Amino acid sequence: MAKKKNITFNDIAKYTNFSKTTISRYFNNPDSLTLENQKIISDALIALDYKENKVARILANGKTEFIGIIVPNIYLNYYSEMLSQILLTYEEFGYKFLVFAGNENEEIERRYIQELLAYKIEGMIILSHTIPSHELASYQVPIVTIEREDRYVCSVNTDNYMGATQAASLLARHDCDVLLHINSHVPENWPDYERIKGFQDFCLEHDIQNEIIYTELGTSFERCSQNLTSVFERIEENYGGQKKGIFVSGDTYANLFLNLIVRKYGFLPDDYRIIGFDNSPISREAIIPISTIGQQIDQLAHEAVSLLVELMNERKKRKPAPFAQPIHKVVTPVLIRRETTEKEPAMGA
């Protein structure tokens, strides 16, 4: 059987009676052609069974259609779910992704960024916290961050303050004697510091006994389990006999904390109420489904890619007009009630 011939720009030009320059403009700058001529060429591609040579196109216009992503780790369900949702945007925006997990190592992440730039990526999405935003802005490539320090770059974040007040309010409505928030030491310029601030402000306003319990939560099961075991033992010792409302900074940690309680008692005692933060899959798949503050991860991912595409498209114009200031988008969280706060699973504010 004869080998099928690859269709070239010259073949398309002959078929349509357009010049090769016009055909090239269709692929690289379609808006420069009339809609009628775009339709003629599009129909010709179907008739000729044209298969695009991606490598040739990259060499011709320098546009790789690749976006780089750096996540801190994929241990936390939040990051793995966010990554999954970002990858799903390919069908809408047509961009492919190169992904690195930085493991909270600043120098490794810098090497990863240089590797991504060498691949001529068109933009980056950064979820890791190690490299400050002023350094990210110096790389001269469109960047959008998610839930991290973002003074000098565009970002998409959850309204963490609102989420914390929702969590504290739910626990207070269950007549808890004391509200406890478990979190790492978070810099005040990080978006998730607002979880601590929102919790504290709510408790202060409503004169509720409370404590922020700081611990290094870590990025591995062993480290998290060890540190949360110490926290659990301290809570048992200090707040025995009191009804405790526990607000944990993430669903992965909330699930580990819940497991510690169930291992000791065989069930979730009436003097514990637990709520997490994220609404990652682990919260609904836990041995007892965990109430949580839903970050609407799918919306965060979509907004981040959409904003990055807007930045990249502006950069491709003959006379680009960069934004005067970084754009910071905020997504409203959703309170999701499940069995760690309710006798029966429920959903809604």
C-alpha atoms as a PDB file:
ATOM      1  CA  MET A   1       0.000   0.000   0.000  1.00  0.00           C
ATOM      2  CA  ALA A   2       1.365   3.401  -0.960  1.00  0.00           C
ATOM      3  CA  LYS A   3       2.314   5.684   1.925  1.00  0.00           C
ATOM      4  CA  LYS A   4      -0.174   8.501   2.433  1.00  0.00           C
ATOM      5  CA  LYS A   5       1.235  11.895   1.443  1.00  0.00           C
ATOM      6  CA  ASN A   6       1.563  14.590   4.103  1.00  0.00           C
ATOM      7  CA  ILE A   7      -0.487  17.633   3.149  1.00  0.00           C
ATOM      8  CA  THR A   8       1.620  20.811   2.985  1.00  0.00           C
ATOM      9  CA  PHE A   9       0.799  24.536   2.944  1.00  0.00           C
ATOM     10  CA  ASN A  10       1.532  24.420  -0.797  1.00  0.00           C
ATOM     11  CA  ASP A  11      -1.166  21.760  -1.306  1.00  0.00           C
ATOM     12  CA  ILE A  12      -3.702  23.827   0.651  1.00  0.00           C
ATOM     13  CA  ALA A  13      -2.780  26.940  -1.347  1.00  0.00           C
ATOM     14  CA  LYS A  14      -3.349  25.131  -4.658  1.00  0.00           C
ATOM     15  CA  TYR A  15      -6.671  23.704  -3.442  1.00  0.00           C
ATOM     16  CA  THR A  16      -8.017  27.089  -2.305  1.00  0.00           C
ATOM     17  CA  ASN A  17      -6.297  29.317  -4.895  1.00  0.00           C
ATOM     18  CA  PHE A  18      -4.809  31.335  -2.046  1.00  0.00           C
ATOM     19  CA  SER A  19      -1.118  32.139  -1.627  1.00  0.00           C
ATOM     20  CA  LYS A  20       1.041  30.224   0.853  1.00  0.00           C
ATOM     21  CA  THR A  21       1.365  33.471   2.803  1.00  0.00           C
ATOM     22  CA  THR A  22      -2.422  33.569   3.246  1.00  0.00           C
ATOM     23  CA  ILE A  23      -2.437  29.957   4.418  1.00  0.00           C
ATOM     24  CA  SER A  24       0.320  30.747   6.913  1.00  0.00           C
ATOM     25  CA  ARG A  25      -1.691  33.715   8.207  1.00  0.00           C
ATOM     26  CA  TYR A  26      -4.659  31.386   8.781  1.00  0.00           C
ATOM     27  CA  PHE A  27      -2.578  29.275  11.182  1.00  0.00           C
ATOM     28  CA  ASN A  28      -0.605  32.046  12.883  1.00  0.00           C
ATOM     29  CA  ASN A  29      -2.922  35.065  12.805  1.00  0.00           C
ATOM     30  CA  PRO A  30      -6.415  33.949  11.690  1.00  0.00           C
ATOM     31  CA  ASP A  31      -8.037  37.258  12.695  1.00  0.00           C
ATOM     32  CA  SER A  32      -6.128  38.937   9.855  1.00  0.00           C
ATOM     33  CA  LEU A  33      -8.365  37.042   7.382  1.00  0.00           C
ATOM     34  CA  THR A  34     -12.040  37.577   6.668  1.00  0.00           C
ATOM     35  CA  LEU A  35     -14.460  35.067   8.152  1.00  0.00           C
ATOM     36  CA  GLU A  36     -15.332  33.955   4.615  1.00  0.00           C
ATOM     37  CA  ASN A  37     -11.707  33.153   3.784  1.00  0.00           C
ATOM     38  CA  GLN A  38     -11.214  31.413   7.146  1.00  0.00           C
ATOM     39  CA  LYS A  39     -14.193  29.193   6.293  1.00  0.00           C
ATOM     40  CA  ILE A  40     -12.781  28.354   2.831  1.00  0.00           C
ATOM     41  CA  ILE A  41      -9.455  27.267   4.319  1.00  0.00           C
ATOM     42  CA  SER A  42     -11.112  25.375   7.170  1.00  0.00           C
ATOM     43  CA  ASP A  43     -13.237  23.400   4.691  1.00  0.00           C
ATOM     44  CA  ALA A  44     -10.141  22.671   2.627  1.00  0.00           C
ATOM     45  CA  LEU A  45      -8.335  21.220   5.652  1.00  0.00           C
ATOM     46  CA  ILE A  46     -11.206  18.791   6.160  1.00  0.00           C
ATOM     47  CA  ALA A  47     -11.385  17.861   2.488  1.00  0.00           C
ATOM     48  CA  LEU A  48      -7.627  17.269   2.292  1.00  0.00           C
ATOM     49  CA  ASP A  49      -7.524  15.424   5.647  1.00  0.00           C
ATOM     50  CA  TYR A  50      -4.804  17.785   6.835  1.00  0.00           C
ATOM     51  CA  LYS A  51      -2.801  16.740   9.901  1.00  0.00           C
ATOM     52  CA  GLU A  52      -0.975  19.641  11.522  1.00  0.00           C
ATOM     53  CA  ASN A  53       2.766  19.305  12.085  1.00  0.00           C
ATOM     54  CA  LYS A  54       3.068  20.696  15.604  1.00  0.00           C
ATOM     55  CA  VAL A  55       6.868  20.733  15.599  1.00  0.00           C
ATOM     56  CA  ALA A  56       6.992  22.723  12.364  1.00  0.00           C
ATOM     57  CA  ARG A  57       4.487  25.191  13.716  1.00  0.00           C
ATOM     58  CA  ILE A  58       6.521  25.736  16.892  1.00  0.00           C
ATOM     59  CA  LEU A  59       9.654  26.332  14.837  1.00  0.00           C
ATOM     60  CA  ALA A  60       7.768  28.772  12.622  1.00  0.00           C
ATOM     61  CA  ASN A  61       6.113  30.980  15.242  1.00  0.00           C
ATOM     62  CA  GLY A  62       7.833  30.124  18.531  1.00  0.00           C
ATOM     63  CA  LYS A  63       4.510  29.317  20.218  1.00  0.00           C
ATOM     64  CA  THR A  64       4.703  26.001  22.029  1.00  0.00           C
ATOM     65  CA  GLU A  65       1.187  26.016  23.537  1.00  0.00           C
ATOM     66  CA  PHE A  66       2.760  24.756  26.780  1.00  0.00           C
ATOM     67  CA  ILE A  67       2.142  26.062  30.284  1.00  0.00           C
ATOM     68  CA  GLY A  68       4.463  25.224  33.165  1.00  0.00           C
ATOM     69  CA  ILE A  69       3.084  24.293  36.585  1.00  0.00           C
ATOM     70  CA  ILE A  70       4.953  24.071  39.883  1.00  0.00           C
ATOM     71  CA  VAL A  71       3.187  22.529  42.873  1.00  0.00           C
ATOM     72  CA  PRO A  72       4.738  22.135  46.340  1.00  0.00           C
ATOM     73  CA  ASN A  73       3.825  18.440  46.536  1.00  0.00           C
ATOM     74  CA  ILE A  74       1.163  15.959  45.484  1.00  0.00           C
ATOM     75  CA  TYR A  75       0.796  14.444  48.968  1.00  0.00           C
ATOM     76  CA  LEU A  76      -1.937  16.881  49.974  1.00  0.00           C
ATOM     77  CA  ASN A  77      -5.246  16.094  48.314  1.00  0.00           C
ATOM     78  CA  TYR A  78      -5.765  19.800  47.650  1.00  0.00           C
ATOM     79  CA  TYR A  79      -2.787  19.981  45.265  1.00  0.00           C
ATOM     80  CA  SER A  80      -3.532  16.735  43.460  1.00  0.00           C
ATOM     81  CA  GLU A  81      -7.157  17.803  42.930  1.00  0.00           C
ATOM     82  CA  MET A  82      -6.112  21.296  41.793  1.00  0.00           C
ATOM     83  CA  LEU A  83      -3.671  19.786  39.318  1.00  0.00           C
ATOM     84  CA  SER A  84      -6.374  17.463  37.992  1.00  0.00           C
ATOM     85  CA  GLN A  85      -8.759  20.382  37.472  1.00  0.00           C
ATOM     86  CA  ILE A  86      -6.092  22.470  35.708  1.00  0.00           C
ATOM     87  CA  LEU A  87      -5.332  19.620  33.300  1.00  0.00           C
ATOM     88  CA  LEU A  88      -9.029  19.361  32.435  1.00  0.00           C
ATOM     89  CA  THR A  89      -8.935  22.876  30.928  1.00  0.00           C
ATOM     90  CA  TYR A  90      -7.069  21.537  27.868  1.00  0.00           C
ATOM     91  CA  GLU A  91     -10.374  20.865  26.099  1.00  0.00           C
ATOM     92  CA  GLU A  92     -11.400  24.516  26.432  1.00  0.00           C
ATOM     93  CA  PHE A  93      -8.135  26.410  26.022  1.00  0.00           C
ATOM     94  CA  GLY A  94      -5.937  23.972  24.068  1.00  0.00           C
ATOM     95  CA  TYR A  95      -2.826  24.401  26.223  1.00  0.00           C
ATOM     96  CA  LYS A  96      -0.708  21.466  27.375  1.00  0.00           C
ATOM     97  CA  PHE A  97       1.096  21.361  30.719  1.00  0.00           C
ATOM     98  CA  LEU A  98       4.564  20.549  32.030  1.00  0.00           C
ATOM     99  CA  VAL A  99       4.375  19.807  35.759  1.00  0.00           C
ATOM    100  CA  PHE A 100       7.048  19.804  38.471  1.00  0.00           C
ATOM    101  CA  ALA A 101       6.672  19.154  42.216  1.00  0.00           C
ATOM    102  CA  GLY A 102       9.113  21.387  44.063  1.00  0.00           C
ATOM    103  CA  ASN A 103       8.954  19.652  47.465  1.00  0.00           C
ATOM    104  CA  GLU A 104       9.430  23.030  49.176  1.00  0.00           C
ATOM    105  CA  ASN A 105      13.036  23.313  47.982  1.00  0.00           C
ATOM    106  CA  GLU A 106      13.783  26.806  46.711  1.00  0.00           C
ATOM    107  CA  GLU A 107      16.860  25.957  44.648  1.00  0.00           C
ATOM    108  CA  ILE A 108      15.221  22.926  43.045  1.00  0.00           C
ATOM    109  CA  GLU A 109      12.253  25.066  42.052  1.00  0.00           C
ATOM    110  CA  ARG A 110      14.555  27.643  40.472  1.00  0.00           C
ATOM    111  CA  ARG A 111      16.114  24.856  38.386  1.00  0.00           C
ATOM    112  CA  TYR A 112      12.659  23.675  37.391  1.00  0.00           C
ATOM    113  CA  ILE A 113      11.714  27.176  36.270  1.00  0.00           C
ATOM    114  CA  GLN A 114      14.847  27.424  34.126  1.00  0.00           C
ATOM    115  CA  GLU A 115      13.985  24.029  32.640  1.00  0.00           C
ATOM    116  CA  LEU A 116      10.478  25.238  31.808  1.00  0.00           C
ATOM    117  CA  LEU A 117      11.796  28.441  30.238  1.00  0.00           C
ATOM    118  CA  ALA A 118      14.184  26.363  28.115  1.00  0.00           C
ATOM    119  CA  TYR A 119      11.137  24.557  26.731  1.00  0.00           C
ATOM    120  CA  LYS A 120       9.765  27.952  25.617  1.00  0.00           C
ATOM    121  CA  ILE A 121       6.640  27.713  27.745  1.00  0.00           C
ATOM    122  CA  GLU A 122       4.167  30.527  27.146  1.00  0.00           C
ATOM    123  CA  GLY A 123       3.189  30.994  30.795  1.00  0.00           C
ATOM    124  CA  MET A 124       3.374  29.520  34.299  1.00  0.00           C
ATOM    125  CA  ILE A 125       0.976  28.643  37.110  1.00  0.00           C
ATOM    126  CA  ILE A 126       2.678  28.589  40.513  1.00  0.00           C
ATOM    127  CA  LEU A 127       1.171  26.995  43.612  1.00  0.00           C
ATOM    128  CA  SER A 128       4.370  26.584  45.633  1.00  0.00           C
ATOM    129  CA  HIS A 129       5.349  29.152  48.275  1.00  0.00           C
ATOM    130  CA  THR A 130       9.140  29.127  48.243  1.00  0.00           C
ATOM    131  CA  ILE A 131      10.049  31.744  45.619  1.00  0.00           C
ATOM    132  CA  PRO A 132       8.840  35.310  46.380  1.00  0.00           C
ATOM    133  CA  SER A 133       6.547  36.986  43.876  1.00  0.00           C
ATOM    134  CA  HIS A 134       9.002  39.788  43.075  1.00  0.00           C
ATOM    135  CA  GLU A 135      11.420  37.139  41.787  1.00  0.00           C
ATOM    136  CA  LEU A 136       8.678  35.383  39.817  1.00  0.00           C
ATOM    137  CA  ALA A 137       7.793  38.699  38.161  1.00  0.00           C
ATOM    138  CA  SER A 138      11.407  39.069  36.978  1.00  0.00           C
ATOM    139  CA  TYR A 139      11.190  36.006  34.701  1.00  0.00           C
ATOM    140  CA  GLN A 140       9.381  38.032  32.012  1.00  0.00           C
ATOM    141  CA  VAL A 141       6.811  35.330  31.256  1.00  0.00           C
ATOM    142  CA  PRO A 142       3.086  35.548  32.117  1.00  0.00           C
ATOM    143  CA  ILE A 143       2.489  34.064  35.577  1.00  0.00           C
ATOM    144  CA  VAL A 144      -0.599  33.382  37.666  1.00  0.00           C
ATOM    145  CA  THR A 145      -0.338  32.066  41.212  1.00  0.00           C
ATOM    146  CA  ILE A 146      -2.938  30.206  43.280  1.00  0.00           C
ATOM    147  CA  GLU A 147      -3.199  30.580  47.076  1.00  0.00           C
ATOM    148  CA  ARG A 148       0.254  31.992  47.783  1.00  0.00           C
ATOM    149  CA  GLU A 149       2.009  35.342  48.286  1.00  0.00           C
ATOM    150  CA  ASP A 150       1.157  37.370  45.185  1.00  0.00           C
ATOM    151  CA  ARG A 151       2.049  41.053  45.561  1.00  0.00           C
ATOM    152  CA  TYR A 152       3.886  41.345  42.232  1.00  0.00           C
ATOM    153  CA  VAL A 153       2.070  38.776  40.076  1.00  0.00           C
ATOM    154  CA  CYS A 154      -1.502  37.999  39.085  1.00  0.00           C
ATOM    155  CA  SER A 155      -3.333  35.501  41.252  1.00  0.00           C
ATOM    156  CA  VAL A 156      -6.510  33.585  42.011  1.00  0.00           C
ATOM    157  CA  ASN A 157      -7.347  32.922  45.663  1.00  0.00           C
ATOM    158  CA  THR A 158     -10.166  31.743  47.866  1.00  0.00           C
ATOM    159  CA  ASP A 159     -11.771  34.236  50.260  1.00  0.00           C
ATOM    160  CA  ASN A 160     -10.011  32.537  53.155  1.00  0.00           C
ATOM    161  CA  TYR A 161     -11.269  35.023  55.757  1.00  0.00           C
ATOM    162  CA  MET A 162     -14.888  34.302  54.855  1.00  0.00           C
ATOM    163  CA  GLY A 163     -14.196  30.557  54.911  1.00  0.00           C
ATOM    164  CA  ALA A 164     -12.711  30.753  58.415  1.00  0.00           C
ATOM    165  CA  THR A 165     -15.672  32.698  59.767  1.00  0.00           C
ATOM    166  CA  GLN A 166     -18.026  30.154  58.177  1.00  0.00           C
ATOM    167  CA  ALA A 167     -16.141  27.329  59.902  1.00  0.00           C
ATOM    168  CA  ALA A 168     -16.065  29.020  63.311  1.00  0.00           C
ATOM    169  CA  SER A 169     -19.729  30.012  63.021  1.00  0.00           C
ATOM    170  CA  LEU A 170     -20.801  26.423  62.295  1.00  0.00           C
ATOM    171  CA  LEU A 171     -18.866  25.084  65.285  1.00  0.00           C
ATOM    172  CA  ALA A 172     -20.279  27.825  67.527  1.00  0.00           C
ATOM    173  CA  ARG A 173     -23.841  26.964  66.476  1.00  0.00           C
ATOM    174  CA  HIS A 174     -23.225  23.443  67.816  1.00  0.00           C
ATOM    175  CA  ASP A 175     -22.660  24.934  71.301  1.00  0.00           C
ATOM    176  CA  CYS A 176     -19.005  23.986  71.511  1.00  0.00           C
ATOM    177  CA  ASP A 177     -17.351  25.106  74.771  1.00  0.00           C
ATOM    178  CA  VAL A 178     -14.057  25.873  73.073  1.00  0.00           C
ATOM    179  CA  LEU A 179     -13.012  26.398  69.439  1.00  0.00           C
ATOM    180  CA  LEU A 180      -9.560  25.234  68.360  1.00  0.00           C
ATOM    181  CA  HIS A 181      -7.820  25.967  65.064  1.00  0.00           C
ATOM    182  CA  ILE A 182      -4.932  23.714  63.980  1.00  0.00           C
ATOM    183  CA  ASN A 183      -2.539  25.307  61.491  1.00  0.00           C
ATOM    184  CA  SER A 184       1.110  25.807  60.598  1.00  0.00           C
ATOM    185  CA  HIS A 185       2.880  29.088  61.254  1.00  0.00           C
ATOM    186  CA  VAL A 186       1.777  31.047  58.186  1.00  0.00           C
ATOM    187  CA  PRO A 187       3.314  34.387  57.091  1.00  0.00           C
ATOM    188  CA  GLU A 188       0.836  37.256  57.210  1.00  0.00           C
ATOM    189  CA  ASN A 189       1.273  38.008  53.477  1.00  0.00           C
ATOM    190  CA  TRP A 190       0.047  34.526  52.470  1.00  0.00           C
ATOM    191  CA  PRO A 191      -3.649  34.265  51.535  1.00  0.00           C
ATOM    192  CA  ASP A 192      -4.269  31.362  53.924  1.00  0.00           C
ATOM    193  CA  TYR A 193      -3.158  33.494  56.901  1.00  0.00           C
ATOM    194  CA  GLU A 194      -6.671  34.889  56.586  1.00  0.00           C
ATOM    195  CA  ARG A 195      -7.957  31.536  57.898  1.00  0.00           C
ATOM    196  CA  ILE A 196      -6.240  32.284  61.189  1.00  0.00           C
ATOM    197  CA  LYS A 197      -7.362  35.916  61.192  1.00  0.00           C
ATOM    198  CA  GLY A 198     -10.980  35.112  60.350  1.00  0.00           C
ATOM    199  CA  PHE A 199     -11.138  32.454  63.084  1.00  0.00           C
ATOM    200  CA  GLN A 200      -9.638  34.760  65.707  1.00  0.00           C
ATOM    201  CA  ASP A 201     -11.858  37.705  64.799  1.00  0.00           C
ATOM    202  CA  PHE A 202     -15.021  35.590  64.970  1.00  0.00           C
ATOM    203  CA  CYS A 203     -14.135  34.175  68.368  1.00  0.00           C
ATOM    204  CA  LEU A 204     -13.210  37.616  69.701  1.00  0.00           C
ATOM    205  CA  GLU A 205     -16.403  39.205  68.418  1.00  0.00           C
ATOM    206  CA  HIS A 206     -18.586  36.485  69.970  1.00  0.00           C
ATOM    207  CA  ASP A 207     -16.508  36.108  73.161  1.00  0.00           C
ATOM    208  CA  ILE A 208     -15.819  32.405  72.568  1.00  0.00           C
ATOM    209  CA  GLN A 209     -13.001  30.552  74.327  1.00  0.00           C
ATOM    210  CA  ASN A 210     -10.474  29.621  71.639  1.00  0.00           C
ATOM    211  CA  GLU A 211      -6.907  28.669  70.861  1.00  0.00           C
ATOM    212  CA  ILE A 212      -4.728  28.593  67.753  1.00  0.00           C
ATOM    213  CA  ILE A 213      -2.623  25.423  67.905  1.00  0.00           C
ATOM    214  CA  TYR A 214       0.430  25.828  65.716  1.00  0.00           C
ATOM    215  CA  THR A 215       2.279  22.738  64.551  1.00  0.00           C
ATOM    216  CA  GLU A 216       4.486  21.815  61.616  1.00  0.00           C
ATOM    217  CA  LEU A 217       2.063  19.756  59.567  1.00  0.00           C
ATOM    218  CA  GLY A 218       4.584  18.643  56.977  1.00  0.00           C
ATOM    219  CA  THR A 219       4.205  17.091  53.529  1.00  0.00           C
ATOM    220  CA  SER A 220       4.405  13.391  54.363  1.00  0.00           C
ATOM    221  CA  PHE A 221       2.083  11.014  56.173  1.00  0.00           C
ATOM    222  CA  GLU A 222       4.672  10.113  58.791  1.00  0.00           C
ATOM    223  CA  ARG A 223       5.480  13.704  59.729  1.00  0.00           C
ATOM    224  CA  CYS A 224       1.845  14.846  59.747  1.00  0.00           C
ATOM    225  CA  SER A 225       0.726  11.838  61.774  1.00  0.00           C
ATOM    226  CA  GLN A 226       3.447  12.323  64.374  1.00  0.00           C
ATOM    227  CA  ASN A 227       2.762  16.034  64.871  1.00  0.00           C
ATOM    228  CA  LEU A 228      -1.033  15.671  64.920  1.00  0.00           C
ATOM    229  CA  THR A 229      -0.740  12.841  67.465  1.00  0.00           C
ATOM    230  CA  SER A 230       1.021  15.280  69.780  1.00  0.00           C
ATOM    231  CA  VAL A 231      -1.692  17.881  69.164  1.00  0.00           C
ATOM    232  CA  PHE A 232      -4.458  15.357  69.860  1.00  0.00           C
ATOM    233  CA  GLU A 233      -2.857  14.263  73.135  1.00  0.00           C
ATOM    234  CA  ARG A 234      -2.522  17.891  74.216  1.00  0.00           C
ATOM    235  CA  ILE A 235      -6.183  18.617  73.407  1.00  0.00           C
ATOM    236  CA  GLU A 236      -7.299  15.512  75.313  1.00  0.00           C
ATOM    237  CA  GLU A 237      -5.282  16.623  78.343  1.00  0.00           C
ATOM    238  CA  ASN A 238      -6.181  20.326  78.313  1.00  0.00           C
ATOM    239  CA  TYR A 239      -9.826  20.227  77.258  1.00  0.00           C
ATOM    240  CA  GLY A 240     -11.149  16.971  78.717  1.00  0.00           C
ATOM    241  CA  GLY A 241     -14.852  17.163  79.538  1.00  0.00           C
ATOM    242  CA  GLN A 242     -15.427  20.152  77.244  1.00  0.00           C
ATOM    243  CA  LYS A 243     -17.210  20.081  73.893  1.00  0.00           C
ATOM    244  CA  LYS A 244     -14.500  20.870  71.379  1.00  0.00           C
ATOM    245  CA  GLY A 245     -14.957  22.449  67.928  1.00  0.00           C
ATOM    246  CA  ILE A 246     -11.882  21.659  65.821  1.00  0.00           C
ATOM    247  CA  PHE A 247     -11.168  23.714  62.697  1.00  0.00           C
ATOM    248  CA  VAL A 248      -8.269  22.139  60.773  1.00  0.00           C
ATOM    249  CA  SER A 249      -6.457  24.082  58.050  1.00  0.00           C
ATOM    250  CA  GLY A 250      -6.801  21.383  55.356  1.00  0.00           C
ATOM    251  CA  ASP A 251      -8.844  18.266  54.627  1.00  0.00           C
ATOM    252  CA  THR A 252      -5.849  15.911  54.536  1.00  0.00           C
ATOM    253  CA  TYR A 253      -4.908  17.014  58.060  1.00  0.00           C
ATOM    254  CA  ALA A 254      -8.550  16.897  59.214  1.00  0.00           C
ATOM    255  CA  ASN A 255      -8.774  13.301  58.015  1.00  0.00           C
ATOM    256  CA  LEU A 256      -5.609  12.331  59.917  1.00  0.00           C
ATOM    257  CA  PHE A 257      -6.940  14.017  63.061  1.00  0.00           C
ATOM    258  CA  LEU A 258     -10.287  12.240  62.697  1.00  0.00           C
ATOM    259  CA  ASN A 259      -8.495   8.890  62.354  1.00  0.00           C
ATOM    260  CA  LEU A 260      -6.641   9.512  65.636  1.00  0.00           C
ATOM    261  CA  ILE A 261      -9.938  10.076  67.442  1.00  0.00           C
ATOM    262  CA  VAL A 262     -11.629   7.022  65.903  1.00  0.00           C
ATOM    263  CA  ARG A 263      -8.626   4.809  66.717  1.00  0.00           C
ATOM    264  CA  LYS A 264      -8.885   5.795  70.380  1.00  0.00           C
ATOM    265  CA  TYR A 265     -12.652   5.703  70.824  1.00  0.00           C
ATOM    266  CA  GLY A 266     -13.908   3.530  67.954  1.00  0.00           C
ATOM    267  CA  PHE A 267     -16.262   6.347  66.922  1.00  0.00           C
ATOM    268  CA  LEU A 268     -16.501  10.157  66.918  1.00  0.00           C
ATOM    269  CA  PRO A 269     -17.524  11.190  70.460  1.00  0.00           C
ATOM    270  CA  ASP A 270     -20.225  13.814  71.043  1.00  0.00           C
ATOM    271  CA  ASP A 271     -17.650  16.185  72.572  1.00  0.00           C
ATOM    272  CA  TYR A 272     -15.844  16.562  69.218  1.00  0.00           C
ATOM    273  CA  ARG A 273     -16.957  18.489  66.145  1.00  0.00           C
ATOM    274  CA  ILE A 274     -14.536  18.738  63.209  1.00  0.00           C
ATOM    275  CA  ILE A 275     -14.412  20.873  60.081  1.00  0.00           C
ATOM    276  CA  GLY A 276     -11.661  21.011  57.458  1.00  0.00           C
ATOM    277  CA  PHE A 277     -10.813  23.300  54.556  1.00  0.00           C
ATOM    278  CA  ASP A 278     -10.596  22.509  50.807  1.00  0.00           C
ATOM    279  CA  ASN A 279     -13.411  20.093  49.919  1.00  0.00           C
ATOM    280  CA  SER A 280     -10.859  17.817  48.323  1.00  0.00           C
ATOM    281  CA  PRO A 281     -12.096  14.243  47.683  1.00  0.00           C
ATOM    282  CA  ILE A 282     -10.657  12.909  50.945  1.00  0.00           C
ATOM    283  CA  SER A 283     -13.178  14.956  52.953  1.00  0.00           C
ATOM    284  CA  ARG A 284     -16.170  13.082  51.544  1.00  0.00           C
ATOM    285  CA  GLU A 285     -14.389   9.711  51.351  1.00  0.00           C
ATOM    286  CA  ALA A 286     -13.183   9.705  54.991  1.00  0.00           C
ATOM    287  CA  ILE A 287     -14.347   6.989  57.397  1.00  0.00           C
ATOM    288  CA  ILE A 288     -16.766   9.636  58.681  1.00  0.00           C
ATOM    289  CA  PRO A 289     -17.409  12.247  55.956  1.00  0.00           C
ATOM    290  CA  ILE A 290     -15.832  15.525  57.056  1.00  0.00           C
ATOM    291  CA  SER A 291     -17.551  18.908  57.069  1.00  0.00           C
ATOM    292  CA  THR A 292     -15.389  21.393  55.206  1.00  0.00           C
ATOM    293  CA  ILE A 293     -15.057  24.804  53.650  1.00  0.00           C
ATOM    294  CA  GLY A 294     -15.215  24.161  49.922  1.00  0.00           C
ATOM    295  CA  GLN A 295     -12.661  26.159  47.976  1.00  0.00           C
ATOM    296  CA  GLN A 296     -14.440  25.398  44.691  1.00  0.00           C
ATOM    297  CA  ILE A 297     -11.190  23.988  43.339  1.00  0.00           C
ATOM    298  CA  ASP A 298     -12.627  23.548  39.848  1.00  0.00           C
ATOM    299  CA  GLN A 299     -13.463  27.259  39.700  1.00  0.00           C
ATOM    300  CA  LEU A 300     -10.056  28.298  41.070  1.00  0.00           C
ATOM    301  CA  ALA A 301      -8.316  26.166  38.435  1.00  0.00           C
ATOM    302  CA  HIS A 302     -10.475  27.475  35.594  1.00  0.00           C
ATOM    303  CA  GLU A 303     -10.068  31.119  36.666  1.00  0.00           C
ATOM    304  CA  ALA A 304      -6.287  30.689  36.897  1.00  0.00           C
ATOM    305  CA  VAL A 305      -5.934  29.194  33.408  1.00  0.00           C
ATOM    306  CA  SER A 306      -8.397  31.701  31.938  1.00  0.00           C
ATOM    307  CA  LEU A 307      -6.496  34.645  33.438  1.00  0.00           C
ATOM    308  CA  LEU A 308      -3.164  33.235  32.252  1.00  0.00           C
ATOM    309  CA  VAL A 309      -4.516  32.773  28.711  1.00  0.00           C
ATOM    310  CA  GLU A 310      -5.650  36.400  28.785  1.00  0.00           C
ATOM    311  CA  LEU A 311      -2.127  37.484  29.785  1.00  0.00           C
ATOM    312  CA  MET A 312      -0.515  35.289  27.124  1.00  0.00           C
ATOM    313  CA  ASN A 313      -2.853  36.489  24.377  1.00  0.00           C
ATOM    314  CA  GLU A 314      -2.122  40.115  25.229  1.00  0.00           C
ATOM    315  CA  ARG A 315       1.595  39.399  25.022  1.00  0.00           C
ATOM    316  CA  LYS A 316       1.181  38.007  21.477  1.00  0.00           C
ATOM    317  CA  LYS A 317      -0.351  41.200  20.086  1.00  0.00           C
ATOM    318  CA  ARG A 318       1.670  43.494  17.838  1.00  0.00           C
ATOM    319  CA  LYS A 319       1.260  46.273  20.393  1.00  0.00           C
ATOM    320  CA  PRO A 320       0.676  44.552  23.728  1.00  0.00           C
ATOM    321  CA  ALA A 321      -0.828  46.576  26.575  1.00  0.00           C
ATOM    322  CA  PRO A 322       0.265  44.856  29.808  1.00  0.00           C
ATOM    323  CA  PHE A 323      -1.870  45.314  32.902  1.00  0.00           C
ATOM    324  CA  ALA A 324      -0.789  48.336  34.940  1.00  0.00           C
ATOM    325  CA  GLN A 325      -1.145  46.341  38.168  1.00  0.00           C
ATOM    326  CA  PRO A 326      -1.380  42.612  38.921  1.00  0.00           C
ATOM    327  CA  ILE A 327      -4.932  41.251  38.878  1.00  0.00           C
ATOM    328  CA  HIS A 328      -6.065  39.380  41.983  1.00  0.00           C
ATOM    329  CA  LYS A 329      -9.259  37.355  41.620  1.00  0.00           C
ATOM    330  CA  VAL A 330     -11.111  35.989  44.646  1.00  0.00           C
ATOM    331  CA  VAL A 331     -13.434  32.975  44.672  1.00  0.00           C
ATOM    332  CA  THR A 332     -16.135  32.664  47.331  1.00  0.00           C
ATOM    333  CA  PRO A 333     -15.951  29.501  49.488  1.00  0.00           C
ATOM    334  CA  VAL A 334     -18.924  27.243  50.223  1.00  0.00           C
ATOM    335  CA  LEU A 335     -19.741  25.708  53.611  1.00  0.00           C
ATOM    336  CA  ILE A 336     -20.329  21.961  53.247  1.00  0.00           C
ATOM    337  CA  ARG A 337     -21.871  20.177  56.225  1.00  0.00           C
ATOM    338  CA  ARG A 338     -21.171  16.500  56.709  1.00  0.00           C
ATOM    339  CA  GLU A 339     -21.217  13.999  59.537  1.00  0.00           C
ATOM    340  CA  THR A 340     -18.319  15.359  61.617  1.00  0.00           C
ATOM    341  CA  THR A 341     -20.567  18.283  62.591  1.00  0.00           C
ATOM    342  CA  GLU A 342     -24.070  16.990  61.762  1.00  0.00           C
ATOM    343  CA  LYS A 343     -25.992  13.947  62.902  1.00  0.00           C
ATOM    344  CA  GLU A 344     -27.085  13.479  59.286  1.00  0.00           C
ATOM    345  CA  PRO A 345     -25.040  14.575  56.228  1.00  0.00           C
ATOM    346  CA  ALA A 346     -26.209  17.930  54.878  1.00  0.00           C
ATOM    347  CA  MET A 347     -24.938  20.506  52.448  1.00  0.00           C
ATOM    348  CA  GLY A 348     -25.349  24.248  52.263  1.00  0.00           C
ATOM    349  CA  ALA A 349     -24.765  27.368  54.287  1.00  0.00           C
END
